[in-house]
Protein backbone atom coordinates (compact mmCIF):
# COMPACT_ATOMS: atom_id res chain seq x y z
CA MET A 1 -0.20 29.79 -12.90
CA ASN A 2 -3.73 29.69 -14.33
CA ARG A 3 -6.90 28.25 -12.80
CA LYS A 4 -6.57 24.82 -14.47
CA GLN A 5 -3.00 24.43 -13.27
CA LYS A 6 -3.94 25.38 -9.71
CA THR A 7 -6.79 22.84 -9.76
CA CYS A 8 -4.42 20.14 -11.04
CA LEU A 9 -1.90 20.96 -8.32
CA LEU A 10 -4.58 20.90 -5.60
CA VAL A 11 -5.91 17.52 -6.77
CA SER A 12 -2.37 16.12 -6.85
CA ILE A 13 -1.56 17.35 -3.35
CA THR A 14 -4.82 15.82 -2.11
CA ALA A 15 -3.93 12.51 -3.78
CA ILE A 16 -0.49 12.51 -2.16
CA VAL A 17 -1.96 13.21 1.28
CA VAL A 18 -4.51 10.38 0.88
CA MET A 19 -1.77 8.01 -0.28
CA GLY A 20 0.24 8.94 2.81
CA LEU A 21 -2.71 8.32 5.12
CA PHE A 22 -3.51 4.91 3.56
CA PRO A 23 -0.08 3.49 2.66
CA PRO A 24 0.65 0.02 1.30
CA TRP A 25 1.88 -2.49 3.87
CA VAL A 26 4.24 -5.45 3.70
CA ILE A 27 3.12 -8.65 5.38
CA GLN A 28 5.35 -11.34 6.80
CA THR A 29 4.50 -15.03 6.71
CA ARG A 30 6.18 -17.56 8.99
CA GLU A 31 6.41 -21.17 7.94
CA ILE A 32 7.40 -23.76 10.52
CA ASN A 33 9.43 -26.78 9.40
CA ARG A 34 9.90 -29.55 11.93
CA CYS A 35 12.79 -31.90 11.36
CA GLY A 36 12.74 -34.33 14.26
CA SER A 37 13.44 -32.35 17.40
CA ARG A 38 14.71 -29.38 15.40
CA VAL A 39 12.36 -26.55 14.42
CA GLU A 40 13.19 -24.17 11.59
CA TYR A 41 11.34 -20.96 10.82
CA LYS A 42 11.18 -19.60 7.30
CA TYR A 43 10.07 -15.97 7.01
CA THR A 44 8.80 -14.55 3.74
CA THR A 45 7.58 -11.05 3.02
CA GLU A 46 5.16 -9.99 0.31
CA PRO A 47 3.13 -6.94 -0.62
CA GLY A 48 0.05 -6.54 1.51
CA PRO A 49 -3.11 -4.46 1.48
CA TYR A 50 -3.55 -0.73 1.97
CA SER A 51 -4.63 0.40 5.42
CA TRP A 52 -4.84 3.47 7.67
CA ILE A 53 -1.37 4.56 8.74
CA GLY A 54 -2.22 4.38 12.45
CA THR A 55 -3.57 0.83 12.41
CA PRO A 56 -1.88 -2.04 10.61
CA PRO A 57 -4.25 -4.09 8.48
CA PHE A 58 -5.13 -6.87 10.93
CA ALA A 59 -8.81 -7.29 10.11
CA ARG A 60 -8.38 -6.74 6.40
CA LEU A 61 -5.26 -8.90 6.44
CA TRP A 62 -7.26 -11.77 7.89
CA MET A 63 -9.89 -11.57 5.15
CA TRP A 64 -7.18 -11.08 2.50
CA SER A 65 -5.18 -14.10 3.68
CA ILE A 66 -8.36 -16.18 3.76
CA TYR A 67 -9.07 -15.24 0.17
CA LYS A 68 -5.48 -15.77 -0.86
CA LEU A 69 -5.19 -19.18 0.80
CA LYS A 70 -8.70 -20.20 -0.32
CA VAL A 71 -9.59 -21.10 3.25
CA TYR A 72 -13.04 -19.85 4.15
CA LYS A 73 -13.19 -19.78 7.95
CA PHE A 74 -15.28 -16.69 8.51
CA GLU A 75 -16.12 -17.60 12.11
CA ASP A 76 -12.55 -16.75 13.15
CA SER A 77 -12.03 -13.08 13.91
CA GLU A 78 -8.34 -13.12 14.86
CA PRO A 79 -5.57 -12.91 12.29
CA PRO A 80 -3.60 -16.11 11.78
CA LYS A 81 -0.56 -16.51 14.00
CA ASN A 82 1.81 -17.00 11.09
CA VAL A 83 0.79 -13.91 9.05
CA ARG A 84 1.21 -10.36 10.26
CA PRO A 85 1.69 -6.87 8.89
CA ARG A 86 5.34 -5.99 9.15
CA PHE A 87 5.97 -2.45 7.95
CA ILE A 88 4.89 0.18 5.43
CA ASP A 89 6.03 -0.61 1.89
CA LEU A 90 8.10 2.49 1.20
CA TYR A 91 9.10 1.28 -2.26
CA ARG A 92 5.51 1.12 -3.51
CA LEU A 93 4.60 4.35 -1.72
CA GLY A 94 7.59 6.15 -3.25
CA LEU A 95 6.71 4.82 -6.69
CA GLN A 96 3.15 6.11 -6.28
CA TYR A 97 4.44 9.53 -5.23
CA PHE A 98 6.78 9.59 -8.23
CA VAL A 99 3.99 8.72 -10.69
CA VAL A 100 1.71 11.42 -9.25
CA ALA A 101 4.55 13.97 -9.43
CA VAL A 102 5.36 13.12 -13.06
CA VAL A 103 1.70 13.20 -14.13
CA THR A 104 1.19 16.50 -12.28
CA ALA A 105 4.25 18.06 -13.90
CA GLY A 106 3.06 16.89 -17.31
CA LEU A 107 -0.41 18.29 -16.79
CA ILE A 108 0.88 21.63 -15.49
CA ILE A 109 3.12 21.98 -18.54
CA THR A 110 0.30 20.93 -20.86
CA LEU A 111 -2.26 23.26 -19.29
CA ARG A 112 -0.15 26.41 -19.43
CA ASP A 113 -1.45 29.43 -21.29
CA ARG A 114 -0.30 29.67 -24.87
CA LYS A 115 1.01 33.09 -25.76
CA THR A 116 0.29 34.09 -29.30
CA GLY A 117 2.48 36.71 -30.77
């Protein structure tokens, strides 16, 4: 393995570690439907923001949901009661890992030394 290939591999490993430390999250939204005395809850999940693995994206989620809903209540510091981070989006994270692995493999093959003979 030559110097360029080692550099490519080191950069790729660093990218994978950073992606693992700041993974994508899935957020869950709860809608409340009241039909007389009956209350129904409808839960929907959607891709959320990236955040540190140890702390779900509460503060960023609040700003993101404000932007998304076009409601500009910046005096509120708590996240809304009906929106919360649910879990890490393993599908998106796995897809990111796969793309980095494929690009790294392609670069390592491309950057190999050509033997002339």
